[in-house]
Structure formats: structure tokens, C-alpha cells
């Protein structure tokens, strides 16, 4: 991420924004407008490393369905069917967080808890 911000700074582009994709988009726009920027062209056109797993839509859909279960459980009364005991909720929330990191990209995670 720091490398991308440095590339932006070297080209007088804003390096602000949440997420790697926003900064890459800004650099790609710059590259499209400035075809002579050979260094940027070389960096951005590198093939993706083979260890980077592509995102799978069905995994993302399931991830957010599972999040909805947690969200509903937060609002549920003890007598409701959606209620989860604190220890069960904590385990499911931890499992969801780990799955989020595996399903998306680690740099997209902003820990608040």
C-alpha cells in the first residue's frame, strides 16, 4: 500500500482514499492519460502473483448472508428464535471475521474490535 501511495505522490496524484483498488484506479486513469509513463506502465501491468486467490461471488454472497444472521442476533430478544447466547455469538462472529479475511483481501480489513 505504501508503494502505491508513493507512486501517487511522485505523480502529484492524491494518495487518499480507502482501499487499494481506489488508489490503483487513480493510477490506471493517470496511465491512460499519460501513456509515456513507462515506469507506471511496467508496475501496473505486472501479472498477479499465483498465490493471490481470486474473489468468488458465491463466497461473498454467503459471507454477507452469514453476517445478516449475526446482525439479526444482535437485535433479537432472548425469547426470539434468532437470539444467540453470548459465547455462541462470539464464536460465530470470530469465525465470520476469519472467513471475511479469507474471502476478500486482508488489506480491506479495518479492525474496530
PDB file of N, CA and C in Angstrom:
ATOM      1  N   UNK A   1       0.820  -1.176   0.000  1.00  0.00           N
ATOM      2  CA  UNK A   1       0.000   0.000   0.000  1.00  0.00           C
ATOM      3  C   UNK A   1       0.871   1.249   0.000  1.00  0.00           C
ATOM      4  N   UNK A   2       1.944   1.206   0.775  1.00  0.00           N
ATOM      5  CA  UNK A   2       2.846   2.351   0.837  1.00  0.00           C
ATOM      6  C   UNK A   2       3.480   2.603  -0.531  1.00  0.00           C
ATOM      7  N   UNK A   3       3.771   1.533  -1.270  1.00  0.00           N
ATOM      8  CA  UNK A   3       4.350   1.686  -2.603  1.00  0.00           C
ATOM      9  C   UNK A   3       3.378   2.396  -3.542  1.00  0.00           C
ATOM     10  N   UNK A   4       2.103   2.046  -3.447  1.00  0.00           N
ATOM     11  CA  UNK A   4       1.098   2.690  -4.299  1.00  0.00           C
ATOM     12  C   UNK A   4       0.958   4.167  -3.945  1.00  0.00           C
ATOM     13  N   UNK A   5       0.986   4.464  -2.653  1.00  0.00           N
ATOM     14  CA  UNK A   5       0.900   5.870  -2.224  1.00  0.00           C
ATOM     15  C   UNK A   5       2.110   6.658  -2.720  1.00  0.00           C
ATOM     16  N   UNK A   6       3.281   6.027  -2.697  1.00  0.00           N
ATOM     17  CA  UNK A   6       4.495   6.689  -3.190  1.00  0.00           C
ATOM     18  C   UNK A   6       4.391   6.958  -4.697  1.00  0.00           C
ATOM     19  N   UNK A   7       3.836   6.005  -5.445  1.00  0.00           N
ATOM     20  CA  UNK A   7       3.637   6.216  -6.883  1.00  0.00           C
ATOM     21  C   UNK A   7       2.709   7.395  -7.135  1.00  0.00           C
ATOM     22  N   UNK A   8       1.661   7.496  -6.337  1.00  0.00           N
ATOM     23  CA  UNK A   8       0.736   8.632  -6.472  1.00  0.00           C
ATOM     24  C   UNK A   8       1.443   9.940  -6.172  1.00  0.00           C
ATOM     25  N   UNK A   9       2.165   9.966  -5.068  1.00  0.00           N
ATOM     26  CA  UNK A   9       2.869  11.193  -4.676  1.00  0.00           C
ATOM     27  C   UNK A   9       3.863  11.638  -5.735  1.00  0.00           C
ATOM     28  N   UNK A  10       4.577  10.694  -6.325  1.00  0.00           N
ATOM     29  CA  UNK A  10       5.564  11.027  -7.356  1.00  0.00           C
ATOM     30  C   UNK A  10       4.920  11.628  -8.595  1.00  0.00           C
ATOM     31  N   UNK A  11       3.627  11.400  -8.762  1.00  0.00           N
ATOM     32  CA  UNK A  11       2.914  11.906  -9.945  1.00  0.00           C
ATOM     33  C   UNK A  11       1.923  13.015  -9.586  1.00  0.00           C
ATOM     34  N   UNK A  12       2.055  13.556  -8.370  1.00  0.00           N
ATOM     35  CA  UNK A  12       1.171  14.615  -7.878  1.00  0.00           C
ATOM     36  C   UNK A  12      -0.303  14.197  -7.913  1.00  0.00           C
ATOM     37  N   UNK A  13      -0.562  12.933  -7.627  1.00  0.00           N
ATOM     38  CA  UNK A  13      -1.930  12.428  -7.543  1.00  0.00           C
ATOM     39  C   UNK A  13      -2.291  12.267  -6.072  1.00  0.00           C
ATOM     40  N   UNK A  14      -3.554  12.391  -5.763  1.00  0.00           N
ATOM     41  CA  UNK A  14      -3.999  12.189  -4.392  1.00  0.00           C
ATOM     42  C   UNK A  14      -3.805  10.721  -4.009  1.00  0.00           C
ATOM     43  N   UNK A  15      -3.203  10.503  -2.871  1.00  0.00           N
ATOM     44  CA  UNK A  15      -2.998   9.138  -2.371  1.00  0.00           C
ATOM     45  C   UNK A  15      -4.031   8.807  -1.311  1.00  0.00           C
ATOM     46  N   UNK A  16      -5.023   9.681  -1.156  1.00  0.00           N
ATOM     47  CA  UNK A  16      -6.049   9.454  -0.146  1.00  0.00           C
ATOM     48  C   UNK A  16      -7.120   8.545  -0.705  1.00  0.00           C
ATOM     49  N   UNK A  17      -7.813   7.904   0.181  1.00  0.00           N
ATOM     50  CA  UNK A  17      -8.891   7.019  -0.236  1.00  0.00           C
ATOM     51  C   UNK A  17      -8.798   5.711   0.492  1.00  0.00           C
ATOM     52  N   UNK A  18      -9.938   5.105   0.675  1.00  0.00           N
ATOM     53  CA  UNK A  18      -9.985   3.832   1.382  1.00  0.00           C
ATOM     54  C   UNK A  18      -9.845   2.702   0.392  1.00  0.00           C
ATOM     55  N   UNK A  19      -8.895   1.880   0.630  1.00  0.00           N
ATOM     56  CA  UNK A  19      -8.751   0.675  -0.173  1.00  0.00           C
ATOM     57  C   UNK A  19      -7.748   0.810  -1.294  1.00  0.00           C
ATOM     58  N   UNK A  20      -7.112  -0.277  -1.518  1.00  0.00           N
ATOM     59  CA  UNK A  20      -6.090  -0.395  -2.545  1.00  0.00           C
ATOM     60  C   UNK A  20      -6.674  -0.170  -3.936  1.00  0.00           C
ATOM     61  N   UNK A  21      -7.889  -0.638  -4.166  1.00  0.00           N
ATOM     62  CA  UNK A  21      -8.486  -0.546  -5.505  1.00  0.00           C
ATOM     63  C   UNK A  21      -8.700   0.902  -5.931  1.00  0.00           C
ATOM     64  N   UNK A  22      -9.053   1.782  -4.993  1.00  0.00           N
ATOM     65  CA  UNK A  22      -9.257   3.204  -5.330  1.00  0.00           C
ATOM     66  C   UNK A  22      -7.954   3.838  -5.802  1.00  0.00           C
ATOM     67  N   UNK A  23      -6.876   3.525  -5.124  1.00  0.00           N
ATOM     68  CA  UNK A  23      -5.575   4.091  -5.491  1.00  0.00           C
ATOM     69  C   UNK A  23      -5.112   3.515  -6.823  1.00  0.00           C
ATOM     70  N   UNK A  24      -5.310   2.224  -7.031  1.00  0.00           N
ATOM     71  CA  UNK A  24      -4.936   1.608  -8.308  1.00  0.00           C
ATOM     72  C   UNK A  24      -5.750   2.220  -9.438  1.00  0.00           C
ATOM     73  N   UNK A  25      -7.049   2.440  -9.212  1.00  0.00           N
ATOM     74  CA  UNK A  25      -7.887   3.073 -10.238  1.00  0.00           C
ATOM     75  C   UNK A  25      -7.346   4.449 -10.608  1.00  0.00           C
ATOM     76  N   UNK A  26      -6.942   5.213  -9.592  1.00  0.00           N
ATOM     77  CA  UNK A  26      -6.392   6.551  -9.834  1.00  0.00           C
ATOM     78  C   UNK A  26      -5.109   6.461 -10.672  1.00  0.00           C
ATOM     79  N   UNK A  27      -4.254   5.493 -10.367  1.00  0.00           N
ATOM     80  CA  UNK A  27      -3.012   5.322 -11.124  1.00  0.00           C
ATOM     81  C   UNK A  27      -3.292   4.839 -12.549  1.00  0.00           C
ATOM     82  N   UNK A  28      -4.272   3.954 -12.707  1.00  0.00           N
ATOM     83  CA  UNK A  28      -4.632   3.477 -14.046  1.00  0.00           C
ATOM     84  C   UNK A  28      -5.185   4.625 -14.882  1.00  0.00           C
ATOM     85  N   UNK A  29      -6.028   5.478 -14.283  1.00  0.00           N
ATOM     86  CA  UNK A  29      -6.536   6.655 -15.001  1.00  0.00           C
ATOM     87  C   UNK A  29      -5.393   7.551 -15.448  1.00  0.00           C
ATOM     88  N   UNK A  30      -4.427   7.735 -14.556  1.00  0.00           N
ATOM     89  CA  UNK A  30      -3.249   8.544 -14.902  1.00  0.00           C
ATOM     90  C   UNK A  30      -2.483   7.904 -16.057  1.00  0.00           C
ATOM     91  N   UNK A  31      -2.333   6.588 -15.998  1.00  0.00           N
ATOM     92  CA  UNK A  31      -1.612   5.881 -17.048  1.00  0.00           C
ATOM     93  C   UNK A  31      -2.334   6.012 -18.389  1.00  0.00           C
ATOM     94  N   UNK A  32      -3.658   5.903 -18.376  1.00  0.00           N
ATOM     95  CA  UNK A  32      -4.425   6.042 -19.616  1.00  0.00           C
ATOM     96  C   UNK A  32      -4.273   7.436 -20.216  1.00  0.00           C
ATOM     97  N   UNK A  33      -4.143   8.438 -19.360  1.00  0.00           N
ATOM     98  CA  UNK A  33      -3.982   9.818 -19.844  1.00  0.00           C
ATOM     99  C   UNK A  33      -2.531  10.142 -20.188  1.00  0.00           C
ATOM    100  N   UNK A  34      -1.595   9.366 -19.663  1.00  0.00           N
ATOM    101  CA  UNK A  34      -0.159   9.632 -19.856  1.00  0.00           C
ATOM    102  C   UNK A  34       0.550   8.360 -20.289  1.00  0.00           C
ATOM    103  N   UNK A  35       0.325   7.943 -21.490  1.00  0.00           N
ATOM    104  CA  UNK A  35       0.893   6.685 -21.995  1.00  0.00           C
ATOM    105  C   UNK A  35       2.422   6.639 -21.920  1.00  0.00           C
ATOM    106  N   UNK A  36       3.065   7.789 -21.820  1.00  0.00           N
ATOM    107  CA  UNK A  36       4.531   7.824 -21.807  1.00  0.00           C
ATOM    108  C   UNK A  36       5.127   7.434 -20.449  1.00  0.00           C
ATOM    109  N   UNK A  37       4.315   7.223 -19.438  1.00  0.00           N
ATOM    110  CA  UNK A  37       4.796   6.884 -18.096  1.00  0.00           C
ATOM    111  C   UNK A  37       5.181   5.400 -18.064  1.00  0.00           C
ATOM    112  N   UNK A  38       6.364   5.092 -18.555  1.00  0.00           N
ATOM    113  CA  UNK A  38       6.811   3.701 -18.712  1.00  0.00           C
ATOM    114  C   UNK A  38       6.950   2.978 -17.376  1.00  0.00           C
ATOM    115  N   UNK A  39       7.446   3.682 -16.358  1.00  0.00           N
ATOM    116  CA  UNK A  39       7.631   3.034 -15.052  1.00  0.00           C
ATOM    117  C   UNK A  39       6.284   2.579 -14.484  1.00  0.00           C
ATOM    118  N   UNK A  40       5.291   3.453 -14.526  1.00  0.00           N
ATOM    119  CA  UNK A  40       3.969   3.103 -14.011  1.00  0.00           C
ATOM    120  C   UNK A  40       3.349   1.983 -14.833  1.00  0.00           C
ATOM    121  N   UNK A  41       3.540   2.045 -16.135  1.00  0.00           N
ATOM    122  CA  UNK A  41       3.004   1.010 -17.021  1.00  0.00           C
ATOM    123  C   UNK A  41       3.588  -0.354 -16.640  1.00  0.00           C
ATOM    124  N   UNK A  42       4.879  -0.387 -16.398  1.00  0.00           N
ATOM    125  CA  UNK A  42       5.549  -1.635 -16.033  1.00  0.00           C
ATOM    126  C   UNK A  42       5.018  -2.166 -14.703  1.00  0.00           C
ATOM    127  N   UNK A  43       4.818  -1.310 -13.731  1.00  0.00           N
ATOM    128  CA  UNK A  43       4.365  -1.729 -12.402  1.00  0.00           C
ATOM    129  C   UNK A  43       2.922  -2.216 -12.433  1.00  0.00           C
ATOM    130  N   UNK A  44       2.035  -1.464 -13.079  1.00  0.00           N
ATOM    131  CA  UNK A  44       0.617  -1.806 -13.073  1.00  0.00           C
ATOM    132  C   UNK A  44       0.271  -2.972 -13.982  1.00  0.00           C
ATOM    133  N   UNK A  45       1.075  -3.240 -14.953  1.00  0.00           N
ATOM    134  CA  UNK A  45       0.762  -4.322 -15.893  1.00  0.00           C
ATOM    135  C   UNK A  45       1.415  -5.635 -15.510  1.00  0.00           C
ATOM    136  N   UNK A  46       2.030  -5.692 -14.317  1.00  0.00           N
ATOM    137  CA  UNK A  46       2.621  -6.949 -13.849  1.00  0.00           C
ATOM    138  C   UNK A  46       1.520  -7.972 -13.665  1.00  0.00           C
ATOM    139  N   UNK A  47       1.796  -9.230 -13.998  1.00  0.00           N
ATOM    140  CA  UNK A  47       0.781 -10.260 -13.748  1.00  0.00           C
ATOM    141  C   UNK A  47       0.579 -10.440 -12.242  1.00  0.00           C
ATOM    142  N   UNK A  48      -0.631 -10.848 -11.878  1.00  0.00           N
ATOM    143  CA  UNK A  48      -0.923 -11.114 -10.473  1.00  0.00           C
ATOM    144  C   UNK A  48      -0.127 -12.312 -10.005  1.00  0.00           C
ATOM    145  N   UNK A  49       0.383 -12.269  -8.799  1.00  0.00           N
ATOM    146  CA  UNK A  49       1.087 -13.438  -8.273  1.00  0.00           C
ATOM    147  C   UNK A  49       0.149 -14.642  -8.231  1.00  0.00           C
ATOM    148  N   UNK A  50       0.700 -15.812  -8.435  1.00  0.00           N
ATOM    149  CA  UNK A  50      -0.121 -17.014  -8.500  1.00  0.00           C
ATOM    150  C   UNK A  50      -0.746 -17.367  -7.155  1.00  0.00           C
ATOM    151  N   UNK A  51      -0.183 -16.860  -6.050  1.00  0.00           N
ATOM    152  CA  UNK A  51      -0.729 -17.185  -4.731  1.00  0.00           C
ATOM    153  C   UNK A  51      -1.949 -16.327  -4.372  1.00  0.00           C
ATOM    154  N   UNK A  52      -2.274 -15.318  -5.181  1.00  0.00           N
ATOM    155  CA  UNK A  52      -3.427 -14.468  -4.899  1.00  0.00           C
ATOM    156  C   UNK A  52      -4.682 -15.161  -5.417  1.00  0.00           C
ATOM    157  N   UNK A  53      -5.580 -15.480  -4.503  1.00  0.00           N
ATOM    158  CA  UNK A  53      -6.802 -16.190  -4.849  1.00  0.00           C
ATOM    159  C   UNK A  53      -7.839 -15.191  -5.355  1.00  0.00           C
ATOM    160  N   UNK A  54      -8.459 -15.457  -6.497  1.00  0.00           N
ATOM    161  CA  UNK A  54      -9.486 -14.543  -6.985  1.00  0.00           C
ATOM    162  C   UNK A  54     -10.724 -14.618  -6.090  1.00  0.00           C
ATOM    163  N   UNK A  55     -11.459 -13.517  -6.044  1.00  0.00           N
ATOM    164  CA  UNK A  55     -12.693 -13.499  -5.258  1.00  0.00           C
ATOM    165  C   UNK A  55     -13.763 -14.297  -5.996  1.00  0.00           C
ATOM    166  N   UNK A  56     -14.547 -15.059  -5.249  1.00  0.00           N
ATOM    167  CA  UNK A  56     -15.615 -15.876  -5.809  1.00  0.00           C
ATOM    168  C   UNK A  56     -16.939 -15.280  -5.343  1.00  0.00           C
ATOM    169  N   UNK A  57     -17.802 -14.954  -6.293  1.00  0.00           N
ATOM    170  CA  UNK A  57     -19.052 -14.270  -5.983  1.00  0.00           C
ATOM    171  C   UNK A  57     -19.896 -15.062  -4.998  1.00  0.00           C
ATOM    172  N   UNK A  58     -20.026 -16.358  -5.195  1.00  0.00           N
ATOM    173  CA  UNK A  58     -20.861 -17.160  -4.289  1.00  0.00           C
ATOM    174  C   UNK A  58     -20.323 -17.124  -2.857  1.00  0.00           C
ATOM    175  N   UNK A  59     -18.998 -17.058  -2.693  1.00  0.00           N
ATOM    176  CA  UNK A  59     -18.408 -16.955  -1.350  1.00  0.00           C
ATOM    177  C   UNK A  59     -18.767 -15.618  -0.709  1.00  0.00           C
ATOM    178  N   UNK A  60     -18.752 -14.563  -1.500  1.00  0.00           N
ATOM    179  CA  UNK A  60     -19.085 -13.239  -0.975  1.00  0.00           C
ATOM    180  C   UNK A  60     -20.562 -13.162  -0.599  1.00  0.00           C
ATOM    181  N   UNK A  61     -21.424 -13.722  -1.437  1.00  0.00           N
ATOM    182  CA  UNK A  61     -22.859 -13.747  -1.134  1.00  0.00           C
ATOM    183  C   UNK A  61     -23.096 -14.495   0.171  1.00  0.00           C
ATOM    184  N   UNK A  62     -22.478 -15.648   0.330  1.00  0.00           N
ATOM    185  CA  UNK A  62     -22.646 -16.422   1.562  1.00  0.00           C
ATOM    186  C   UNK A  62     -22.089 -15.673   2.766  1.00  0.00           C
ATOM    187  N   UNK A  63     -20.977 -14.996   2.584  1.00  0.00           N
ATOM    188  CA  UNK A  63     -20.368 -14.223   3.653  1.00  0.00           C
ATOM    189  C   UNK A  63     -21.363 -13.201   4.211  1.00  0.00           C
ATOM    190  N   UNK A  64     -22.044 -12.480   3.327  1.00  0.00           N
ATOM    191  CA  UNK A  64     -22.976 -11.443   3.787  1.00  0.00           C
ATOM    192  C   UNK A  64     -24.295 -12.030   4.278  1.00  0.00           C
ATOM    193  N   UNK A  65     -24.676 -13.205   3.821  1.00  0.00           N
ATOM    194  CA  UNK A  65     -25.841 -13.884   4.407  1.00  0.00           C
ATOM    195  C   UNK A  65     -25.527 -14.262   5.851  1.00  0.00           C
ATOM    196  N   UNK A  66     -24.320 -14.755   6.073  1.00  0.00           N
ATOM    197  CA  UNK A  66     -23.909 -15.116   7.425  1.00  0.00           C
ATOM    198  C   UNK A  66     -23.803 -13.885   8.323  1.00  0.00           C
ATOM    199  N   UNK A  67     -23.395 -12.773   7.753  1.00  0.00           N
ATOM    200  CA  UNK A  67     -23.334 -11.523   8.515  1.00  0.00           C
ATOM    201  C   UNK A  67     -24.740 -11.115   8.958  1.00  0.00           C
ATOM    202  N   UNK A  68     -25.695 -11.302   8.066  1.00  0.00           N
ATOM    203  CA  UNK A  68     -27.084 -10.946   8.392  1.00  0.00           C
ATOM    204  C   UNK A  68     -27.566 -11.733   9.605  1.00  0.00           C
ATOM    205  N   UNK A  69     -27.189 -12.995   9.716  1.00  0.00           N
ATOM    206  CA  UNK A  69     -27.558 -13.806  10.879  1.00  0.00           C
ATOM    207  C   UNK A  69     -27.014 -13.154  12.152  1.00  0.00           C
ATOM    208  N   UNK A  70     -25.766 -12.717  12.119  1.00  0.00           N
ATOM    209  CA  UNK A  70     -25.161 -12.057  13.283  1.00  0.00           C
ATOM    210  C   UNK A  70     -25.867 -10.733  13.588  1.00  0.00           C
ATOM    211  N   UNK A  71     -26.155  -9.978  12.549  1.00  0.00           N
ATOM    212  CA  UNK A  71     -26.809  -8.680  12.716  1.00  0.00           C
ATOM    213  C   UNK A  71     -28.193  -8.838  13.351  1.00  0.00           C
ATOM    214  N   UNK A  72     -28.959  -9.801  12.873  1.00  0.00           N
ATOM    215  CA  UNK A  72     -30.297 -10.062  13.426  1.00  0.00           C
ATOM    216  C   UNK A  72     -30.175 -10.532  14.879  1.00  0.00           C
ATOM    217  N   UNK A  73     -29.175 -11.361  15.155  1.00  0.00           N
ATOM    218  CA  UNK A  73     -28.990 -11.874  16.513  1.00  0.00           C
ATOM    219  C   UNK A  73     -28.681 -10.748  17.502  1.00  0.00           C
ATOM    220  N   UNK A  74     -28.010  -9.707  17.046  1.00  0.00           N
ATOM    221  CA  UNK A  74     -27.701  -8.572  17.922  1.00  0.00           C
ATOM    222  C   UNK A  74     -28.968  -7.881  18.412  1.00  0.00           C
ATOM    223  N   UNK A  75     -29.985  -7.831  17.573  1.00  0.00           N
ATOM    224  CA  UNK A  75     -31.231  -7.134  17.906  1.00  0.00           C
ATOM    225  C   UNK A  75     -32.269  -8.051  18.557  1.00  0.00           C
ATOM    226  N   UNK A  76     -32.034  -9.342  18.526  1.00  0.00           N
ATOM    227  CA  UNK A  76     -33.036 -10.317  18.996  1.00  0.00           C
ATOM    228  C   UNK A  76     -33.160 -10.314  20.520  1.00  0.00           C
ATOM    229  N   UNK A  77     -34.362 -10.550  20.976  1.00  0.00           N
ATOM    230  CA  UNK A  77     -34.629 -10.742  22.408  1.00  0.00           C
ATOM    231  C   UNK A  77     -34.284 -12.190  22.767  1.00  0.00           C
ATOM    232  N   UNK A  78     -34.049 -12.441  24.020  1.00  0.00           N
ATOM    233  CA  UNK A  78     -33.670 -13.785  24.482  1.00  0.00           C
ATOM    234  C   UNK A  78     -34.718 -14.818  24.069  1.00  0.00           C
ATOM    235  N   UNK A  79     -35.963 -14.417  24.032  1.00  0.00           N
ATOM    236  CA  UNK A  79     -37.036 -15.369  23.702  1.00  0.00           C
ATOM    237  C   UNK A  79     -37.198 -15.601  22.195  1.00  0.00           C
ATOM    238  N   UNK A  80     -36.495 -14.810  21.366  1.00  0.00           N
ATOM    239  CA  UNK A  80     -36.606 -14.951  19.904  1.00  0.00           C
ATOM    240  C   UNK A  80     -35.804 -16.151  19.412  1.00  0.00           C
ATOM    241  N   UNK A  81     -36.222 -16.692  18.273  1.00  0.00           N
ATOM    242  CA  UNK A  81     -35.516 -17.816  17.664  1.00  0.00           C
ATOM    243  C   UNK A  81     -34.163 -17.421  17.085  1.00  0.00           C
ATOM    244  N   UNK A  82     -33.982 -16.132  16.783  1.00  0.00           N
ATOM    245  CA  UNK A  82     -32.717 -15.674  16.192  1.00  0.00           C
ATOM    246  C   UNK A  82     -31.662 -15.326  17.245  1.00  0.00           C
ATOM    247  N   UNK A  83     -32.061 -15.341  18.515  1.00  0.00           N
ATOM    248  CA  UNK A  83     -31.136 -14.986  19.590  1.00  0.00           C
ATOM    249  C   UNK A  83     -30.007 -16.003  19.672  1.00  0.00           C
ATOM    250  N   UNK A  84     -28.792 -15.509  19.886  1.00  0.00           N
ATOM    251  CA  UNK A  84     -27.629 -16.373  20.100  1.00  0.00           C
ATOM    252  C   UNK A  84     -27.039 -16.038  21.464  1.00  0.00           C
ATOM    253  N   UNK A  85     -26.731 -17.053  22.238  1.00  0.00           N
ATOM    254  CA  UNK A  85     -26.076 -16.846  23.535  1.00  0.00           C
ATOM    255  C   UNK A  85     -24.738 -16.137  23.290  1.00  0.00           C
ATOM    256  N   UNK A  86     -24.280 -15.347  24.250  1.00  0.00           N
ATOM    257  CA  UNK A  86     -23.048 -14.565  24.043  1.00  0.00           C
ATOM    258  C   UNK A  86     -21.851 -15.396  23.580  1.00  0.00           C
ATOM    259  N   UNK A  87     -21.641 -16.567  24.152  1.00  0.00           N
ATOM    260  CA  UNK A  87     -20.491 -17.387  23.752  1.00  0.00           C
ATOM    261  C   UNK A  87     -20.652 -17.928  22.329  1.00  0.00           C
ATOM    262  N   UNK A  88     -21.886 -18.279  21.960  1.00  0.00           N
ATOM    263  CA  UNK A  88     -22.159 -18.753  20.597  1.00  0.00           C
ATOM    264  C   UNK A  88     -21.986 -17.606  19.608  1.00  0.00           C
ATOM    265  N   UNK A  89     -22.513 -16.428  19.985  1.00  0.00           N
ATOM    266  CA  UNK A  89     -22.378 -15.262  19.121  1.00  0.00           C
ATOM    267  C   UNK A  89     -20.899 -14.925  18.901  1.00  0.00           C
ATOM    268  N   UNK A  90     -20.124 -14.926  19.987  1.00  0.00           N
ATOM    269  CA  UNK A  90     -18.695 -14.601  19.887  1.00  0.00           C
ATOM    270  C   UNK A  90     -17.973 -15.580  18.959  1.00  0.00           C
ATOM    271  N   UNK A  91     -18.281 -16.858  19.076  1.00  0.00           N
ATOM    272  CA  UNK A  91     -17.636 -17.869  18.225  1.00  0.00           C
ATOM    273  C   UNK A  91     -18.019 -17.670  16.762  1.00  0.00           C
ATOM    274  N   UNK A  92     -19.317 -17.409  16.514  1.00  0.00           N
ATOM    275  CA  UNK A  92     -19.772 -17.199  15.135  1.00  0.00           C
ATOM    276  C   UNK A  92     -19.184 -15.912  14.555  1.00  0.00           C
ATOM    277  N   UNK A  93     -19.086 -14.866  15.373  1.00  0.00           N
ATOM    278  CA  UNK A  93     -18.512 -13.596  14.909  1.00  0.00           C
ATOM    279  C   UNK A  93     -17.028 -13.764  14.576  1.00  0.00           C
ATOM    280  N   UNK A  94     -16.305 -14.480  15.413  1.00  0.00           N
ATOM    281  CA  UNK A  94     -14.877 -14.730  15.155  1.00  0.00           C
ATOM    282  C   UNK A  94     -14.707 -15.544  13.873  1.00  0.00           C
ATOM    283  N   UNK A  95     -15.537 -16.572  13.723  1.00  0.00           N
ATOM    284  CA  UNK A  95     -15.495 -17.405  12.517  1.00  0.00           C
ATOM    285  C   UNK A  95     -15.800 -16.556  11.276  1.00  0.00           C
ATOM    286  N   UNK A  96     -16.806 -15.670  11.398  1.00  0.00           N
ATOM    287  CA  UNK A  96     -17.166 -14.803  10.275  1.00  0.00           C
ATOM    288  C   UNK A  96     -16.002 -13.883   9.909  1.00  0.00           C
ATOM    289  N   UNK A  97     -15.353 -13.299  10.912  1.00  0.00           N
ATOM    290  CA  UNK A  97     -14.219 -12.408  10.661  1.00  0.00           C
ATOM    291  C   UNK A  97     -13.084 -13.117   9.940  1.00  0.00           C
ATOM    292  N   UNK A  98     -12.789 -14.321  10.376  1.00  0.00           N
ATOM    293  CA  UNK A  98     -11.725 -15.107   9.713  1.00  0.00           C
ATOM    294  C   UNK A  98     -12.119 -15.423   8.265  1.00  0.00           C
ATOM    295  N   UNK A  99     -13.382 -15.789   8.065  1.00  0.00           N
ATOM    296  CA  UNK A  99     -13.847 -16.082   6.708  1.00  0.00           C
ATOM    297  C   UNK A  99     -13.819 -14.829   5.830  1.00  0.00           C
ATOM    298  N   UNK A 100     -14.109 -13.671   6.441  1.00  0.00           N
ATOM    299  CA  UNK A 100     -14.056 -12.410   5.692  1.00  0.00           C
ATOM    300  C   UNK A 100     -12.654 -12.182   5.133  1.00  0.00           C
ATOM    301  N   UNK A 101     -11.651 -12.391   5.973  1.00  0.00           N
ATOM    302  CA  UNK A 101     -10.265 -12.191   5.536  1.00  0.00           C
ATOM    303  C   UNK A 101      -9.897 -13.184   4.443  1.00  0.00           C
ATOM    304  N   UNK A 102     -10.327 -14.440   4.577  1.00  0.00           N
ATOM    305  CA  UNK A 102     -10.017 -15.446   3.555  1.00  0.00           C
ATOM    306  C   UNK A 102     -10.743 -15.166   2.244  1.00  0.00           C
ATOM    307  N   UNK A 103     -11.973 -14.645   2.334  1.00  0.00           N
ATOM    308  CA  UNK A 103     -12.802 -14.438   1.144  1.00  0.00           C
ATOM    309  C   UNK A 103     -12.425 -13.174   0.399  1.00  0.00           C
ATOM    310  N   UNK A 104     -12.078 -12.124   1.127  1.00  0.00           N
ATOM    311  CA  UNK A 104     -11.732 -10.846   0.498  1.00  0.00           C
ATOM    312  C   UNK A 104     -10.220 -10.673   0.544  1.00  0.00           C
ATOM    313  N   UNK A 105      -9.775  -9.469   0.685  1.00  0.00           N
ATOM    314  CA  UNK A 105      -8.347  -9.190   0.749  1.00  0.00           C
ATOM    315  C   UNK A 105      -8.009  -8.625   2.121  1.00  0.00           C
ATOM    316  N   UNK A 106      -6.920  -9.081   2.683  1.00  0.00           N
ATOM    317  CA  UNK A 106      -6.537  -8.661   4.029  1.00  0.00           C
ATOM    318  C   UNK A 106      -6.465  -7.152   4.187  1.00  0.00           C
ATOM    319  N   UNK A 107      -6.010  -6.455   3.163  1.00  0.00           N
ATOM    320  CA  UNK A 107      -5.866  -5.004   3.285  1.00  0.00           C
ATOM    321  C   UNK A 107      -7.210  -4.291   3.331  1.00  0.00           C
ATOM    322  N   UNK A 108      -8.311  -5.017   3.058  1.00  0.00           N
ATOM    323  CA  UNK A 108      -9.651  -4.424   3.151  1.00  0.00           C
ATOM    324  C   UNK A 108     -10.193  -4.444   4.569  1.00  0.00           C
ATOM    325  N   UNK A 109      -9.467  -5.049   5.509  1.00  0.00           N
ATOM    326  CA  UNK A 109      -9.953  -5.200   6.867  1.00  0.00           C
ATOM    327  C   UNK A 109      -9.495  -4.025   7.711  1.00  0.00           C
ATOM    328  N   UNK A 110     -10.446  -3.385   8.383  1.00  0.00           N
ATOM    329  CA  UNK A 110     -10.161  -2.335   9.352  1.00  0.00           C
ATOM    330  C   UNK A 110     -10.680  -2.820  10.695  1.00  0.00           C
ATOM    331  N   UNK A 111      -9.791  -3.265  11.572  1.00  0.00           N
ATOM    332  CA  UNK A 111     -10.274  -3.815  12.847  1.00  0.00           C
ATOM    333  C   UNK A 111     -10.803  -2.719  13.779  1.00  0.00           C
ATOM    334  N   UNK A 112     -11.995  -2.918  14.279  1.00  0.00           N
ATOM    335  CA  UNK A 112     -12.584  -1.995  15.248  1.00  0.00           C
ATOM    336  C   UNK A 112     -12.738  -2.645  16.612  1.00  0.00           C
ATOM    337  N   UNK A 113     -12.639  -3.935  16.644  1.00  0.00           N
ATOM    338  CA  UNK A 113     -12.871  -4.657  17.902  1.00  0.00           C
ATOM    339  C   UNK A 113     -11.567  -5.224  18.416  1.00  0.00           C
TER     340      UNK A 113
END
